[in-house]
PDB file of N, CA and C in Angstrom:
ATOM      1  N   MET A   1     167.521  99.863 105.722  1.00  0.00           N
ATOM      2  CA  MET A   1     168.442 100.916 106.136  1.00  0.00           C
ATOM      3  C   MET A   1     169.113 100.502 107.442  1.00  0.00           C
ATOM      4  N   ALA A   2     170.364 100.761 107.531  1.00  0.00           N
ATOM      5  CA  ALA A   2     171.115 100.408 108.738  1.00  0.00           C
ATOM      6  C   ALA A   2     170.596 101.216 109.925  1.00  0.00           C
ATOM      7  N   GLN A   3     170.613 100.586 111.068  1.00  0.00           N
ATOM      8  CA  GLN A   3     170.215 101.280 112.294  1.00  0.00           C
ATOM      9  C   GLN A   3     171.389 102.121 112.790  1.00  0.00           C
ATOM     10  N   LEU A   4     171.100 103.326 113.199  1.00  0.00           N
ATOM     11  CA  LEU A   4     172.139 104.201 113.738  1.00  0.00           C
ATOM     12  C   LEU A   4     172.072 104.145 115.252  1.00  0.00           C
ATOM     13  N   ASN A   5     173.187 103.791 115.885  1.00  0.00           N
ATOM     14  CA  ASN A   5     173.161 103.771 117.345  1.00  0.00           C
ATOM     15  C   ASN A   5     173.512 105.148 117.897  1.00  0.00           C
ATOM     16  N   GLU A   6     173.243 105.316 119.176  1.00  0.00           N
ATOM     17  CA  GLU A   6     173.424 106.620 119.816  1.00  0.00           C
ATOM     18  C   GLU A   6     174.869 107.109 119.749  1.00  0.00           C
ATOM     19  N   ASP A   7     175.833 106.188 119.926  1.00  0.00           N
ATOM     20  CA  ASP A   7     177.249 106.573 119.883  1.00  0.00           C
ATOM     21  C   ASP A   7     177.636 107.121 118.514  1.00  0.00           C
ATOM     22  N   THR A   8     177.113 106.501 117.471  1.00  0.00           N
ATOM     23  CA  THR A   8     177.413 106.974 116.114  1.00  0.00           C
ATOM     24  C   THR A   8     176.946 108.414 115.956  1.00  0.00           C
ATOM     25  N   LEU A   9     175.751 108.690 116.422  1.00  0.00           N
ATOM     26  CA  LEU A   9     175.214 110.044 116.293  1.00  0.00           C
ATOM     27  C   LEU A   9     175.967 111.040 117.175  1.00  0.00           C
ATOM     28  N   LYS A  10     176.320 110.628 118.386  1.00  0.00           N
ATOM     29  CA  LYS A  10     177.046 111.523 119.310  1.00  0.00           C
ATOM     30  C   LYS A  10     178.426 111.874 118.774  1.00  0.00           C
ATOM     31  N   ASN A  11     179.098 110.896 118.174  1.00  0.00           N
ATOM     32  CA  ASN A  11     180.480 111.090 117.736  1.00  0.00           C
ATOM     33  C   ASN A  11     180.606 111.598 116.301  1.00  0.00           C
ATOM     34  N   ALA A  12     179.486 111.776 115.626  1.00  0.00           N
ATOM     35  CA  ALA A  12     179.529 112.224 114.235  1.00  0.00           C
ATOM     36  C   ALA A  12     179.990 113.680 114.170  1.00  0.00           C
ATOM     37  N   THR A  13     180.746 113.983 113.133  1.00  0.00           N
ATOM     38  CA  THR A  13     181.133 115.378 112.913  1.00  0.00           C
ATOM     39  C   THR A  13     179.902 116.148 112.448  1.00  0.00           C
ATOM     40  N   TYR A  14     180.019 117.445 112.414  1.00  0.00           N
ATOM     41  CA  TYR A  14     178.900 118.285 111.970  1.00  0.00           C
ATOM     42  C   TYR A  14     178.454 117.885 110.564  1.00  0.00           C
ATOM     43  N   MET A  15     179.416 117.665 109.667  1.00  0.00           N
ATOM     44  CA  MET A  15     179.086 117.300 108.289  1.00  0.00           C
ATOM     45  C   MET A  15     178.401 115.937 108.240  1.00  0.00           C
ATOM     46  N   GLU A  16     178.897 115.001 109.034  1.00  0.00           N
ATOM     47  CA  GLU A  16     178.276 113.668 109.086  1.00  0.00           C
ATOM     48  C   GLU A  16     176.843 113.761 109.607  1.00  0.00           C
ATOM     49  N   GLN A  17     176.620 114.615 110.589  1.00  0.00           N
ATOM     50  CA  GLN A  17     175.268 114.805 111.118  1.00  0.00           C
ATOM     51  C   GLN A  17     174.334 115.358 110.043  1.00  0.00           C
ATOM     52  N   LEU A  18     174.839 116.307 109.262  1.00  0.00           N
ATOM     53  CA  LEU A  18     174.028 116.864 108.172  1.00  0.00           C
ATOM     54  C   LEU A  18     173.653 115.779 107.166  1.00  0.00           C
ATOM     55  N   ILE A  19     174.629 114.943 106.832  1.00  0.00           N
ATOM     56  CA  ILE A  19     174.389 113.870 105.865  1.00  0.00           C
ATOM     57  C   ILE A  19     173.393 112.861 106.428  1.00  0.00           C
ATOM     58  N   ILE A  20     173.583 112.477 107.690  1.00  0.00           N
ATOM     59  CA  ILE A  20     172.665 111.528 108.328  1.00  0.00           C
ATOM     60  C   ILE A  20     171.247 112.102 108.335  1.00  0.00           C
ATOM     61  N   ASN A  21     171.114 113.364 108.699  1.00  0.00           N
ATOM     62  CA  ASN A  21     169.791 114.003 108.718  1.00  0.00           C
ATOM     63  C   ASN A  21     169.158 113.990 107.338  1.00  0.00           C
ATOM     64  N   GLU A  22     169.931 114.272 106.310  1.00  0.00           N
ATOM     65  CA  GLU A  22     169.417 114.286 104.940  1.00  0.00           C
ATOM     66  C   GLU A  22     168.971 112.892 104.516  1.00  0.00           C
ATOM     67  N   VAL A  23     169.767 111.882 104.841  1.00  0.00           N
ATOM     68  CA  VAL A  23     169.422 110.503 104.482  1.00  0.00           C
ATOM     69  C   VAL A  23     168.128 110.084 105.176  1.00  0.00           C
ATOM     70  N   VAL A  24     168.013 110.403 106.459  1.00  0.00           N
ATOM     71  CA  VAL A  24     166.804 110.048 107.215  1.00  0.00           C
ATOM     72  C   VAL A  24     165.593 110.756 106.616  1.00  0.00           C
ATOM     73  N   LEU A  25     165.736 112.029 106.296  1.00  0.00           N
ATOM     74  CA  LEU A  25     164.642 112.791 105.705  1.00  0.00           C
ATOM     75  C   LEU A  25     164.212 112.197 104.367  1.00  0.00           C
ATOM     76  N   ARG A  26     165.180 111.890 103.509  1.00  0.00           N
ATOM     77  CA  ARG A  26     164.855 111.308 102.204  1.00  0.00           C
ATOM     78  C   ARG A  26     164.167 109.960 102.351  1.00  0.00           C
ATOM     79  N   ARG A  27     164.624 109.168 103.311  1.00  0.00           N
ATOM     80  CA  ARG A  27     164.018 107.851 103.553  1.00  0.00           C
ATOM     81  C   ARG A  27     162.563 108.012 103.982  1.00  0.00           C
ATOM     82  N   GLU A  28     162.305 108.960 104.887  1.00  0.00           N
ATOM     83  CA  GLU A  28     160.938 109.207 105.342  1.00  0.00           C
ATOM     84  C   GLU A  28     160.056 109.654 104.179  1.00  0.00           C
ATOM     85  N   GLU A  29     160.571 110.547 103.331  1.00  0.00           N
ATOM     86  CA  GLU A  29     159.806 111.020 102.176  1.00  0.00           C
ATOM     87  C   GLU A  29     159.537 109.882 101.204  1.00  0.00           C
ATOM     88  N   TYR A  30     160.531 109.030 100.984  1.00  0.00           N
ATOM     89  CA  TYR A  30     160.384 107.881 100.095  1.00  0.00           C
ATOM     90  C   TYR A  30     159.272 106.959 100.601  1.00  0.00           C
ATOM     91  N   LEU A  31     159.315 106.641 101.890  1.00  0.00           N
ATOM     92  CA  LEU A  31     158.306 105.746 102.457  1.00  0.00           C
ATOM     93  C   LEU A  31     156.919 106.381 102.405  1.00  0.00           C
ATOM     94  N   GLU A  32     156.843 107.677 102.664  1.00  0.00           N
ATOM     95  CA  GLU A  32     155.567 108.388 102.609  1.00  0.00           C
ATOM     96  C   GLU A  32     154.999 108.346 101.192  1.00  0.00           C
ATOM     97  N   ASN A  33     155.849 108.562 100.194  1.00  0.00           N
ATOM     98  CA  ASN A  33     155.406 108.510  98.800  1.00  0.00           C
ATOM     99  C   ASN A  33     154.937 107.120  98.417  1.00  0.00           C
ATOM    100  N   ARG A  34     155.592 106.080  98.927  1.00  0.00           N
ATOM    101  CA  ARG A  34     155.178 104.695  98.654  1.00  0.00           C
ATOM    102  C   ARG A  34     153.771 104.447  99.192  1.00  0.00           C
ATOM    103  N   VAL A  35     153.503 104.945 100.397  1.00  0.00           N
ATOM    104  CA  VAL A  35     152.181 104.772 101.008  1.00  0.00           C
ATOM    105  C   VAL A  35     151.131 105.501 100.181  1.00  0.00           C
ATOM    106  N   ILE A  36     151.433 106.731  99.781  1.00  0.00           N
ATOM    107  CA  ILE A  36     150.493 107.520  98.981  1.00  0.00           C
ATOM    108  C   ILE A  36     150.198 106.809  97.664  1.00  0.00           C
ATOM    109  N   LYS A  37     151.235 106.293  96.991  1.00  0.00           N
ATOM    110  CA  LYS A  37     151.040 105.584  95.724  1.00  0.00           C
ATOM    111  C   LYS A  37     150.222 104.320  95.926  1.00  0.00           C
ATOM    112  N   ALA A  38     150.493 103.591  97.008  1.00  0.00           N
ATOM    113  CA  ALA A  38     149.742 102.362  97.286  1.00  0.00           C
ATOM    114  C   ALA A  38     148.268 102.683  97.518  1.00  0.00           C
ATOM    115  N   GLU A  39     147.984 103.752  98.237  1.00  0.00           N
ATOM    116  CA  GLU A  39     146.594 104.160  98.474  1.00  0.00           C
ATOM    117  C   GLU A  39     145.932 104.554  97.159  1.00  0.00           C
ATOM    118  N   TRP A  40     146.654 105.247  96.303  1.00  0.00           N
ATOM    119  CA  TRP A  40     146.118 105.672  95.013  1.00  0.00           C
ATOM    120  C   TRP A  40     145.780 104.459  94.149  1.00  0.00           C
ATOM    121  N   VAL A  41     146.677 103.478  94.117  1.00  0.00           N
ATOM    122  CA  VAL A  41     146.454 102.258  93.338  1.00  0.00           C
ATOM    123  C   VAL A  41     145.235 101.518  93.881  1.00  0.00           C
ATOM    124  N   GLU A  42     145.095 101.453  95.194  1.00  0.00           N
ATOM    125  CA  GLU A  42     143.945 100.772  95.805  1.00  0.00           C
ATOM    126  C   GLU A  42     142.644 101.458  95.403  1.00  0.00           C
ATOM    127  N   ARG A  43     142.619 102.779  95.417  1.00  0.00           N
ATOM    128  CA  ARG A  43     141.400 103.514  95.057  1.00  0.00           C
ATOM    129  C   ARG A  43     141.058 103.331  93.590  1.00  0.00           C
ATOM    130  N   LYS A  44     142.086 103.140  92.772  1.00  0.00           N
ATOM    131  CA  LYS A  44     141.882 103.003  91.333  1.00  0.00           C
ATOM    132  C   LYS A  44     141.208 101.681  90.970  1.00  0.00           C
ATOM    133  N   LYS A  45     141.384 100.669  91.825  1.00  0.00           N
ATOM    134  CA  LYS A  45     140.841  99.329  91.533  1.00  0.00           C
ATOM    135  C   LYS A  45     139.333  99.304  91.540  1.00  0.00           C
TER     136      LYS A  45
END
């Protein structure tokens, strides 16, 4: 995922901020689910 610099966030419109927040949230959830699945697979072995 691309790194967001401070200027990008400061200058983003309200709609862009909403989209950025949603993307960050989805990315965090995706990574969290990957960790949970990896732990589940490890326990299954």
